[in-house]
Amino acid sequence: MSYPEPAQKYKVSENGGHAPRWGQNVHYLYFLDSSDMVHRLQFELPEGRLRVKSAESLFRPPILAPPYDTESFDVVRDQHLFAFVTPASRNDAPYVLATSWRH
């Protein structure tokens, strides 16, 4: 929908989606589909009208199951990088995120 006034509504996915995240330069929109596949839309705003420039399916990350899937990923705005929360039993990655630490 347009903002701040919701006067215009735009359909950007044929099969729905949830957990939208803005990406690089606010010209990319990432979202999850019903199977938690990450999709990326690149769009333009010529003459104030939204136009999808490209759409692609990226990958299915090992994120938490619904209803927690919507809070299990985020996008770094300045780069095409992602952060995921994964179930501990499936997390064999060599990285660990420490929170609430003191230096």
PDB file of N, CA and C in Angstrom:
ATOM      1  N   MET A   1       0.838  -1.185   0.000  1.00  0.00           N
ATOM      2  CA  MET A   1       0.000   0.000   0.000  1.00  0.00           C
ATOM      3  C   MET A   1       0.880   1.244   0.000  1.00  0.00           C
ATOM      4  N   SER A   2       0.331   2.269  -0.530  1.00  0.00           N
ATOM      5  CA  SER A   2       1.060   3.539  -0.498  1.00  0.00           C
ATOM      6  C   SER A   2       1.128   4.051   0.943  1.00  0.00           C
ATOM      7  N   TYR A   3       2.099   4.920   1.180  1.00  0.00           N
ATOM      8  CA  TYR A   3       2.306   5.471   2.511  1.00  0.00           C
ATOM      9  C   TYR A   3       2.658   6.937   2.389  1.00  0.00           C
ATOM     10  N   PRO A   4       2.206   7.809   3.201  1.00  0.00           N
ATOM     11  CA  PRO A   4       1.487   7.598   4.451  1.00  0.00           C
ATOM     12  C   PRO A   4      -0.019   7.400   4.263  1.00  0.00           C
ATOM     13  N   GLU A   5      -0.555   7.801   3.147  1.00  0.00           N
ATOM     14  CA  GLU A   5      -1.975   7.577   2.876  1.00  0.00           C
ATOM     15  C   GLU A   5      -2.142   6.264   2.122  1.00  0.00           C
ATOM     16  N   PRO A   6      -2.936   5.331   2.627  1.00  0.00           N
ATOM     17  CA  PRO A   6      -3.106   4.042   1.942  1.00  0.00           C
ATOM     18  C   PRO A   6      -4.070   4.127   0.753  1.00  0.00           C
ATOM     19  N   ALA A   7      -3.794   5.044  -0.161  1.00  0.00           N
ATOM     20  CA  ALA A   7      -4.682   5.262  -1.303  1.00  0.00           C
ATOM     21  C   ALA A   7      -4.476   4.238  -2.408  1.00  0.00           C
ATOM     22  N   GLN A   8      -3.248   3.756  -2.579  1.00  0.00           N
ATOM     23  CA  GLN A   8      -2.933   2.802  -3.637  1.00  0.00           C
ATOM     24  C   GLN A   8      -2.556   1.462  -3.013  1.00  0.00           C
ATOM     25  N   LYS A   9      -3.071   0.384  -3.571  1.00  0.00           N
ATOM     26  CA  LYS A   9      -2.725  -0.956  -3.124  1.00  0.00           C
ATOM     27  C   LYS A   9      -2.145  -1.702  -4.317  1.00  0.00           C
ATOM     28  N   TYR A  10      -0.989  -2.359  -4.122  1.00  0.00           N
ATOM     29  CA  TYR A  10      -0.299  -3.048  -5.206  1.00  0.00           C
ATOM     30  C   TYR A  10      -0.133  -4.523  -4.861  1.00  0.00           C
ATOM     31  N   LYS A  11      -0.431  -5.381  -5.801  1.00  0.00           N
ATOM     32  CA  LYS A  11      -0.213  -6.805  -5.632  1.00  0.00           C
ATOM     33  C   LYS A  11       1.175  -7.120  -6.171  1.00  0.00           C
ATOM     34  N   VAL A  12       2.033  -7.692  -5.317  1.00  0.00           N
ATOM     35  CA  VAL A  12       3.400  -7.979  -5.748  1.00  0.00           C
ATOM     36  C   VAL A  12       3.701  -9.472  -5.772  1.00  0.00           C
ATOM     37  N   SER A  13       2.748 -10.315  -5.356  1.00  0.00           N
ATOM     38  CA  SER A  13       2.954 -11.759  -5.357  1.00  0.00           C
ATOM     39  C   SER A  13       1.657 -12.461  -5.736  1.00  0.00           C
ATOM     40  N   GLU A  14       1.754 -13.440  -6.619  1.00  0.00           N
ATOM     41  CA  GLU A  14       0.582 -14.216  -7.032  1.00  0.00           C
ATOM     42  C   GLU A  14       0.144 -15.208  -5.967  1.00  0.00           C
ATOM     43  N   ASN A  15       1.090 -15.685  -5.153  1.00  0.00           N
ATOM     44  CA  ASN A  15       0.792 -16.744  -4.185  1.00  0.00           C
ATOM     45  C   ASN A  15       0.841 -16.277  -2.740  1.00  0.00           C
ATOM     46  N   GLY A  16       0.755 -14.981  -2.524  1.00  0.00           N
ATOM     47  CA  GLY A  16       0.775 -14.457  -1.167  1.00  0.00           C
ATOM     48  C   GLY A  16       2.176 -14.412  -0.592  1.00  0.00           C
ATOM     49  N   GLY A  17       2.270 -14.002   0.637  1.00  0.00           N
ATOM     50  CA  GLY A  17       3.554 -13.911   1.311  1.00  0.00           C
ATOM     51  C   GLY A  17       3.377 -13.319   2.692  1.00  0.00           C
ATOM     52  N   HIS A  18       4.410 -13.425   3.497  1.00  0.00           N
ATOM     53  CA  HIS A  18       4.392 -12.847   4.839  1.00  0.00           C
ATOM     54  C   HIS A  18       5.810 -12.469   5.247  1.00  0.00           C
ATOM     55  N   ALA A  19       5.925 -11.793   6.367  1.00  0.00           N
ATOM     56  CA  ALA A  19       7.214 -11.361   6.928  1.00  0.00           C
ATOM     57  C   ALA A  19       8.009 -10.498   5.955  1.00  0.00           C
ATOM     58  N   PRO A  20       7.424  -9.433   5.401  1.00  0.00           N
ATOM     59  CA  PRO A  20       8.176  -8.586   4.461  1.00  0.00           C
ATOM     60  C   PRO A  20       9.308  -7.833   5.150  1.00  0.00           C
ATOM     61  N   ARG A  21      10.417  -7.686   4.430  1.00  0.00           N
ATOM     62  CA  ARG A  21      11.578  -6.933   4.920  1.00  0.00           C
ATOM     63  C   ARG A  21      12.099  -6.068   3.783  1.00  0.00           C
ATOM     64  N   TRP A  22      12.422  -4.804   4.074  1.00  0.00           N
ATOM     65  CA  TRP A  22      13.042  -3.937   3.075  1.00  0.00           C
ATOM     66  C   TRP A  22      14.508  -4.274   2.980  1.00  0.00           C
ATOM     67  N   GLY A  23      15.037  -4.229   1.784  1.00  0.00           N
ATOM     68  CA  GLY A  23      16.444  -4.530   1.556  1.00  0.00           C
ATOM     69  C   GLY A  23      17.224  -3.320   1.110  1.00  0.00           C
ATOM     70  N   GLN A  24      18.253  -3.572   0.338  1.00  0.00           N
ATOM     71  CA  GLN A  24      19.206  -2.567  -0.103  1.00  0.00           C
ATOM     72  C   GLN A  24      18.536  -1.379  -0.776  1.00  0.00           C
ATOM     73  N   ASN A  25      18.893  -0.177  -0.326  1.00  0.00           N
ATOM     74  CA  ASN A  25      18.416   1.080  -0.906  1.00  0.00           C
ATOM     75  C   ASN A  25      16.894   1.184  -0.979  1.00  0.00           C
ATOM     76  N   VAL A  26      16.204   0.406  -0.225  1.00  0.00           N
ATOM     77  CA  VAL A  26      14.741   0.380  -0.184  1.00  0.00           C
ATOM     78  C   VAL A  26      14.138   0.180  -1.577  1.00  0.00           C
ATOM     79  N   HIS A  27      14.881  -0.449  -2.479  1.00  0.00           N
ATOM     80  CA  HIS A  27      14.350  -0.808  -3.790  1.00  0.00           C
ATOM     81  C   HIS A  27      14.194  -2.317  -3.903  1.00  0.00           C
ATOM     82  N   TYR A  28      14.431  -3.006  -2.797  1.00  0.00           N
ATOM     83  CA  TYR A  28      14.267  -4.451  -2.739  1.00  0.00           C
ATOM     84  C   TYR A  28      13.321  -4.783  -1.603  1.00  0.00           C
ATOM     85  N   LEU A  29      12.435  -5.725  -1.855  1.00  0.00           N
ATOM     86  CA  LEU A  29      11.536  -6.217  -0.822  1.00  0.00           C
ATOM     87  C   LEU A  29      11.712  -7.726  -0.758  1.00  0.00           C
ATOM     88  N   TYR A  30      11.995  -8.231   0.436  1.00  0.00           N
ATOM     89  CA  TYR A  30      12.142  -9.662   0.667  1.00  0.00           C
ATOM     90  C   TYR A  30      10.937 -10.131   1.463  1.00  0.00           C
ATOM     91  N   PHE A  31      10.487 -11.354   1.212  1.00  0.00           N
ATOM     92  CA  PHE A  31       9.383 -11.907   1.989  1.00  0.00           C
ATOM     93  C   PHE A  31       9.435 -13.426   1.934  1.00  0.00           C
ATOM     94  N   LEU A  32       8.681 -14.057   2.821  1.00  0.00           N
ATOM     95  CA  LEU A  32       8.568 -15.512   2.856  1.00  0.00           C
ATOM     96  C   LEU A  32       7.257 -15.924   2.202  1.00  0.00           C
ATOM     97  N   ASP A  33       7.278 -17.046   1.470  1.00  0.00           N
ATOM     98  CA  ASP A  33       6.022 -17.586   0.942  1.00  0.00           C
ATOM     99  C   ASP A  33       5.480 -18.614   1.940  1.00  0.00           C
ATOM    100  N   SER A  34       4.430 -19.338   1.582  1.00  0.00           N
ATOM    101  CA  SER A  34       3.795 -20.271   2.517  1.00  0.00           C
ATOM    102  C   SER A  34       4.697 -21.444   2.895  1.00  0.00           C
ATOM    103  N   SER A  35       5.722 -21.731   2.089  1.00  0.00           N
ATOM    104  CA  SER A  35       6.670 -22.799   2.427  1.00  0.00           C
ATOM    105  C   SER A  35       7.965 -22.235   3.028  1.00  0.00           C
ATOM    106  N   ASP A  36       7.956 -20.958   3.390  1.00  0.00           N
ATOM    107  CA  ASP A  36       9.104 -20.245   3.968  1.00  0.00           C
ATOM    108  C   ASP A  36      10.287 -20.107   3.017  1.00  0.00           C
ATOM    109  N   MET A  37      10.012 -20.096   1.718  1.00  0.00           N
ATOM    110  CA  MET A  37      11.023 -19.771   0.712  1.00  0.00           C
ATOM    111  C   MET A  37      11.189 -18.249   0.722  1.00  0.00           C
ATOM    112  N   VAL A  38      12.433 -17.777   0.685  1.00  0.00           N
ATOM    113  CA  VAL A  38      12.694 -16.337   0.637  1.00  0.00           C
ATOM    114  C   VAL A  38      12.609 -15.878  -0.815  1.00  0.00           C
ATOM    115  N   HIS A  39      11.855 -14.805  -1.048  1.00  0.00           N
ATOM    116  CA  HIS A  39      11.717 -14.205  -2.372  1.00  0.00           C
ATOM    117  C   HIS A  39      12.232 -12.776  -2.313  1.00  0.00           C
ATOM    118  N   ARG A  40      12.729 -12.297  -3.457  1.00  0.00           N
ATOM    119  CA  ARG A  40      13.206 -10.913  -3.546  1.00  0.00           C
ATOM    120  C   ARG A  40      12.539 -10.238  -4.737  1.00  0.00           C
ATOM    121  N   LEU A  41      11.975  -9.066  -4.479  1.00  0.00           N
ATOM    122  CA  LEU A  41      11.414  -8.223  -5.532  1.00  0.00           C
ATOM    123  C   LEU A  41      12.263  -6.973  -5.644  1.00  0.00           C
ATOM    124  N   GLN A  42      12.592  -6.598  -6.858  1.00  0.00           N
ATOM    125  CA  GLN A  42      13.232  -5.313  -7.098  1.00  0.00           C
ATOM    126  C   GLN A  42      12.195  -4.460  -7.800  1.00  0.00           C
ATOM    127  N   PHE A  43      12.041  -3.234  -7.344  1.00  0.00           N
ATOM    128  CA  PHE A  43      11.010  -2.402  -7.949  1.00  0.00           C
ATOM    129  C   PHE A  43      11.479  -0.975  -8.157  1.00  0.00           C
ATOM    130  N   GLU A  44      10.703  -0.263  -8.950  1.00  0.00           N
ATOM    131  CA  GLU A  44      10.936   1.153  -9.235  1.00  0.00           C
ATOM    132  C   GLU A  44       9.659   1.906  -8.912  1.00  0.00           C
ATOM    133  N   LEU A  45       9.783   3.196  -8.786  1.00  0.00           N
ATOM    134  CA  LEU A  45       8.629   4.050  -8.547  1.00  0.00           C
ATOM    135  C   LEU A  45       8.563   5.169  -9.582  1.00  0.00           C
ATOM    136  N   PRO A  46       8.434   4.832 -10.871  1.00  0.00           N
ATOM    137  CA  PRO A  46       8.337   5.891 -11.884  1.00  0.00           C
ATOM    138  C   PRO A  46       6.996   6.616 -11.763  1.00  0.00           C
ATOM    139  N   GLU A  47       7.068   7.920 -11.735  1.00  0.00           N
ATOM    140  CA  GLU A  47       5.872   8.759 -11.660  1.00  0.00           C
ATOM    141  C   GLU A  47       4.986   8.402 -10.469  1.00  0.00           C
ATOM    142  N   GLY A  48       5.610   7.949  -9.368  1.00  0.00           N
ATOM    143  CA  GLY A  48       4.858   7.649  -8.160  1.00  0.00           C
ATOM    144  C   GLY A  48       4.075   6.348  -8.196  1.00  0.00           C
ATOM    145  N   ARG A  49       4.248   5.534  -9.216  1.00  0.00           N
ATOM    146  CA  ARG A  49       3.543   4.254  -9.337  1.00  0.00           C
ATOM    147  C   ARG A  49       4.543   3.111  -9.157  1.00  0.00           C
ATOM    148  N   LEU A  50       4.199   2.140  -8.362  1.00  0.00           N
ATOM    149  CA  LEU A  50       5.076   1.004  -8.136  1.00  0.00           C
ATOM    150  C   LEU A  50       5.121   0.109  -9.360  1.00  0.00           C
ATOM    151  N   ARG A  51       6.344  -0.281  -9.770  1.00  0.00           N
ATOM    152  CA  ARG A  51       6.515  -1.211 -10.885  1.00  0.00           C
ATOM    153  C   ARG A  51       7.560  -2.233 -10.482  1.00  0.00           C
ATOM    154  N   VAL A  52       7.171  -3.518 -10.495  1.00  0.00           N
ATOM    155  CA  VAL A  52       8.108  -4.587 -10.166  1.00  0.00           C
ATOM    156  C   VAL A  52       9.068  -4.758 -11.335  1.00  0.00           C
ATOM    157  N   LYS A  53      10.349  -4.586 -11.067  1.00  0.00           N
ATOM    158  CA  LYS A  53      11.383  -4.689 -12.089  1.00  0.00           C
ATOM    159  C   LYS A  53      11.835  -6.133 -12.262  1.00  0.00           C
ATOM    160  N   SER A  54      11.975  -6.871 -11.158  1.00  0.00           N
ATOM    161  CA  SER A  54      12.337  -8.286 -11.217  1.00  0.00           C
ATOM    162  C   SER A  54      11.835  -8.985  -9.963  1.00  0.00           C
ATOM    163  N   ALA A  55      11.590 -10.272 -10.086  1.00  0.00           N
ATOM    164  CA  ALA A  55      11.149 -11.097  -8.964  1.00  0.00           C
ATOM    165  C   ALA A  55      11.866 -12.430  -9.053  1.00  0.00           C
ATOM    166  N   GLU A  56      12.363 -12.906  -7.916  1.00  0.00           N
ATOM    167  CA  GLU A  56      13.042 -14.191  -7.936  1.00  0.00           C
ATOM    168  C   GLU A  56      12.907 -14.901  -6.595  1.00  0.00           C
ATOM    169  N   SER A  57      12.870 -16.223  -6.674  1.00  0.00           N
ATOM    170  CA  SER A  57      12.926 -17.069  -5.486  1.00  0.00           C
ATOM    171  C   SER A  57      14.393 -17.276  -5.161  1.00  0.00           C
ATOM    172  N   LEU A  58      14.763 -17.104  -3.903  1.00  0.00           N
ATOM    173  CA  LEU A  58      16.178 -17.196  -3.542  1.00  0.00           C
ATOM    174  C   LEU A  58      16.544 -18.550  -2.928  1.00  0.00           C
ATOM    175  N   PHE A  59      16.003 -18.865  -1.775  1.00  0.00           N
ATOM    176  CA  PHE A  59      16.359 -20.108  -1.074  1.00  0.00           C
ATOM    177  C   PHE A  59      15.388 -20.329   0.075  1.00  0.00           C
ATOM    178  N   ARG A  60      15.413 -21.520   0.641  1.00  0.00           N
ATOM    179  CA  ARG A  60      14.585 -21.854   1.803  1.00  0.00           C
ATOM    180  C   ARG A  60      15.529 -22.023   2.994  1.00  0.00           C
ATOM    181  N   PRO A  61      15.586 -21.046   3.886  1.00  0.00           N
ATOM    182  CA  PRO A  61      16.504 -21.136   5.024  1.00  0.00           C
ATOM    183  C   PRO A  61      15.950 -22.071   6.103  1.00  0.00           C
ATOM    184  N   PRO A  62      16.822 -22.622   6.933  1.00  0.00           N
ATOM    185  CA  PRO A  62      16.369 -23.497   8.019  1.00  0.00           C
ATOM    186  C   PRO A  62      15.915 -22.675   9.225  1.00  0.00           C
ATOM    187  N   ILE A  63      14.812 -21.951   9.081  1.00  0.00           N
ATOM    188  CA  ILE A  63      14.345 -21.071  10.150  1.00  0.00           C
ATOM    189  C   ILE A  63      13.347 -21.794  11.048  1.00  0.00           C
ATOM    190  N   LEU A  64      12.922 -21.125  12.093  1.00  0.00           N
ATOM    191  CA  LEU A  64      11.974 -21.705  13.038  1.00  0.00           C
ATOM    192  C   LEU A  64      10.628 -21.935  12.369  1.00  0.00           C
ATOM    193  N   ALA A  65       9.902 -22.896  12.897  1.00  0.00           N
ATOM    194  CA  ALA A  65       8.584 -23.235  12.359  1.00  0.00           C
ATOM    195  C   ALA A  65       7.556 -22.159  12.717  1.00  0.00           C
ATOM    196  N   PRO A  66       6.460 -22.070  11.936  1.00  0.00           N
ATOM    197  CA  PRO A  66       5.392 -21.124  12.265  1.00  0.00           C
ATOM    198  C   PRO A  66       4.884 -21.377  13.684  1.00  0.00           C
ATOM    199  N   PRO A  67       4.504 -20.388  14.405  1.00  0.00           N
ATOM    200  CA  PRO A  67       4.318 -18.990  14.025  1.00  0.00           C
ATOM    201  C   PRO A  67       5.581 -18.143  14.184  1.00  0.00           C
ATOM    202  N   TYR A  68       6.718 -18.775  14.533  1.00  0.00           N
ATOM    203  CA  TYR A  68       7.945 -18.019  14.795  1.00  0.00           C
ATOM    204  C   TYR A  68       8.745 -17.708  13.535  1.00  0.00           C
ATOM    205  N   ASP A  69       8.343 -18.249  12.387  1.00  0.00           N
ATOM    206  CA  ASP A  69       9.083 -18.034  11.144  1.00  0.00           C
ATOM    207  C   ASP A  69       9.137 -16.565  10.746  1.00  0.00           C
ATOM    208  N   THR A  70       8.098 -15.818  11.051  1.00  0.00           N
ATOM    209  CA  THR A  70       8.073 -14.408  10.647  1.00  0.00           C
ATOM    210  C   THR A  70       9.107 -13.568  11.380  1.00  0.00           C
ATOM    211  N   GLU A  71       9.573 -14.036  12.528  1.00  0.00           N
ATOM    212  CA  GLU A  71      10.591 -13.314  13.294  1.00  0.00           C
ATOM    213  C   GLU A  71      11.948 -13.996  13.215  1.00  0.00           C
ATOM    214  N   SER A  72      12.093 -14.989  12.333  1.00  0.00           N
ATOM    215  CA  SER A  72      13.314 -15.789  12.279  1.00  0.00           C
ATOM    216  C   SER A  72      14.337 -15.320  11.256  1.00  0.00           C
ATOM    217  N   PHE A  73      14.053 -14.233  10.539  1.00  0.00           N
ATOM    218  CA  PHE A  73      15.051 -13.752   9.576  1.00  0.00           C
ATOM    219  C   PHE A  73      14.966 -12.245   9.444  1.00  0.00           C
ATOM    220  N   ASP A  74      16.071 -11.685   8.979  1.00  0.00           N
ATOM    221  CA  ASP A  74      16.105 -10.257   8.683  1.00  0.00           C
ATOM    222  C   ASP A  74      17.129 -10.029   7.585  1.00  0.00           C
ATOM    223  N   VAL A  75      17.095  -8.839   7.004  1.00  0.00           N
ATOM    224  CA  VAL A  75      17.964  -8.472   5.899  1.00  0.00           C
ATOM    225  C   VAL A  75      18.791  -7.271   6.321  1.00  0.00           C
ATOM    226  N   VAL A  76      20.088  -7.316   6.041  1.00  0.00           N
ATOM    227  CA  VAL A  76      20.959  -6.160   6.281  1.00  0.00           C
ATOM    228  C   VAL A  76      20.705  -5.191   5.139  1.00  0.00           C
ATOM    229  N   ARG A  77      20.290  -3.977   5.435  1.00  0.00           N
ATOM    230  CA  ARG A  77      19.854  -3.039   4.399  1.00  0.00           C
ATOM    231  C   ARG A  77      20.941  -2.614   3.427  1.00  0.00           C
ATOM    232  N   ASP A  78      22.179  -2.492   3.884  1.00  0.00           N
ATOM    233  CA  ASP A  78      23.232  -1.977   3.014  1.00  0.00           C
ATOM    234  C   ASP A  78      23.860  -3.035   2.113  1.00  0.00           C
ATOM    235  N   GLN A  79      23.583  -4.292   2.349  1.00  0.00           N
ATOM    236  CA  GLN A  79      24.169  -5.371   1.565  1.00  0.00           C
ATOM    237  C   GLN A  79      23.128  -6.467   1.405  1.00  0.00           C
ATOM    238  N   HIS A  80      23.390  -7.404   0.540  1.00  0.00           N
ATOM    239  CA  HIS A  80      22.496  -8.545   0.380  1.00  0.00           C
ATOM    240  C   HIS A  80      22.928  -9.643   1.355  1.00  0.00           C
ATOM    241  N   LEU A  81      22.775  -9.365   2.638  1.00  0.00           N
ATOM    242  CA  LEU A  81      23.116 -10.310   3.691  1.00  0.00           C
ATOM    243  C   LEU A  81      21.875 -10.608   4.513  1.00  0.00           C
ATOM    244  N   PHE A  82      21.817 -11.803   5.076  1.00  0.00           N
ATOM    245  CA  PHE A  82      20.672 -12.222   5.859  1.00  0.00           C
ATOM    246  C   PHE A  82      21.123 -12.679   7.239  1.00  0.00           C
ATOM    247  N   ALA A  83      20.243 -12.559   8.206  1.00  0.00           N
ATOM    248  CA  ALA A  83      20.443 -13.114   9.546  1.00  0.00           C
ATOM    249  C   ALA A  83      19.277 -14.051   9.811  1.00  0.00           C
ATOM    250  N   PHE A  84      19.565 -15.251  10.302  1.00  0.00           N
ATOM    251  CA  PHE A  84      18.537 -16.255  10.545  1.00  0.00           C
ATOM    252  C   PHE A  84      18.600 -16.782  11.964  1.00  0.00           C
ATOM    253  N   VAL A  85      17.453 -17.112  12.504  1.00  0.00           N
ATOM    254  CA  VAL A  85      17.352 -17.846  13.756  1.00  0.00           C
ATOM    255  C   VAL A  85      16.967 -19.263  13.359  1.00  0.00           C
ATOM    256  N   THR A  86      17.790 -20.238  13.741  1.00  0.00           N
ATOM    257  CA  THR A  86      17.538 -21.628  13.354  1.00  0.00           C
ATOM    258  C   THR A  86      17.339 -22.483  14.595  1.00  0.00           C
ATOM    259  N   PRO A  87      16.641 -23.588  14.447  1.00  0.00           N
ATOM    260  CA  PRO A  87      16.493 -24.517  15.581  1.00  0.00           C
ATOM    261  C   PRO A  87      17.859 -25.052  15.997  1.00  0.00           C
ATOM    262  N   ALA A  88      18.107 -25.175  17.285  1.00  0.00           N
ATOM    263  CA  ALA A  88      19.410 -25.613  17.793  1.00  0.00           C
ATOM    264  C   ALA A  88      19.771 -27.004  17.303  1.00  0.00           C
ATOM    265  N   SER A  89      18.803 -27.875  17.140  1.00  0.00           N
ATOM    266  CA  SER A  89      19.106 -29.242  16.719  1.00  0.00           C
ATOM    267  C   SER A  89      19.573 -29.307  15.268  1.00  0.00           C
ATOM    268  N   ARG A  90      19.289 -28.279  14.462  1.00  0.00           N
ATOM    269  CA  ARG A  90      19.672 -28.276  13.053  1.00  0.00           C
ATOM    270  C   ARG A  90      20.805 -27.306  12.776  1.00  0.00           C
ATOM    271  N   ASN A  91      21.302 -26.628  13.782  1.00  0.00           N
ATOM    272  CA  ASN A  91      22.306 -25.596  13.574  1.00  0.00           C
ATOM    273  C   ASN A  91      23.706 -26.188  13.646  1.00  0.00           C
ATOM    274  N   ASP A  92      24.282 -26.488  12.490  1.00  0.00           N
ATOM    275  CA  ASP A  92      25.646 -26.994  12.453  1.00  0.00           C
ATOM    276  C   ASP A  92      26.599 -25.967  11.846  1.00  0.00           C
ATOM    277  N   ALA A  93      26.150 -24.706  11.797  1.00  0.00           N
ATOM    278  CA  ALA A  93      26.968 -23.641  11.230  1.00  0.00           C
ATOM    279  C   ALA A  93      28.137 -23.318  12.159  1.00  0.00           C
ATOM    280  N   PRO A  94      29.268 -22.860  11.608  1.00  0.00           N
ATOM    281  CA  PRO A  94      30.427 -22.542  12.438  1.00  0.00           C
ATOM    282  C   PRO A  94      30.343 -21.167  13.098  1.00  0.00           C
ATOM    283  N   TYR A  95      29.189 -20.525  13.067  1.00  0.00           N
ATOM    284  CA  TYR A  95      29.032 -19.195  13.649  1.00  0.00           C
ATOM    285  C   TYR A  95      28.068 -19.246  14.823  1.00  0.00           C
ATOM    286  N   VAL A  96      28.337 -18.433  15.814  1.00  0.00           N
ATOM    287  CA  VAL A  96      27.474 -18.336  16.985  1.00  0.00           C
ATOM    288  C   VAL A  96      27.208 -16.856  17.229  1.00  0.00           C
ATOM    289  N   LEU A  97      25.966 -16.497  17.466  1.00  0.00           N
ATOM    290  CA  LEU A  97      25.598 -15.125  17.780  1.00  0.00           C
ATOM    291  C   LEU A  97      25.418 -15.019  19.279  1.00  0.00           C
ATOM    292  N   ALA A  98      26.201 -14.172  19.914  1.00  0.00           N
ATOM    293  CA  ALA A  98      26.089 -13.960  21.354  1.00  0.00           C
ATOM    294  C   ALA A  98      25.335 -12.652  21.591  1.00  0.00           C
ATOM    295  N   THR A  99      24.355 -12.702  22.438  1.00  0.00           N
ATOM    296  CA  THR A  99      23.585 -11.500  22.763  1.00  0.00           C
ATOM    297  C   THR A  99      23.750 -11.179  24.251  1.00  0.00           C
ATOM    298  N   SER A 100      23.465  -9.945  24.604  1.00  0.00           N
ATOM    299  CA  SER A 100      23.526  -9.479  25.996  1.00  0.00           C
ATOM    300  C   SER A 100      24.899  -9.692  26.627  1.00  0.00           C
ATOM    301  N   TRP A 101      25.958  -9.528  25.848  1.00  0.00           N
ATOM    302  CA  TRP A 101      27.301  -9.690  26.384  1.00  0.00           C
ATOM    303  C   TRP A 101      27.855  -8.338  26.810  1.00  0.00           C
ATOM    304  N   ARG A 102      28.838  -8.359  27.667  1.00  0.00           N
ATOM    305  CA  ARG A 102      29.459  -7.127  28.166  1.00  0.00           C
ATOM    306  C   ARG A 102      30.936  -7.166  27.830  1.00  0.00           C
ATOM    307  N   HIS A 103      31.524  -5.992  27.585  1.00  0.00           N
ATOM    308  CA  HIS A 103      32.959  -5.942  27.319  1.00  0.00           C
ATOM    309  C   HIS A 103      33.683  -5.113  28.336  1.00  0.00           C
TER     310      HIS A 103
END
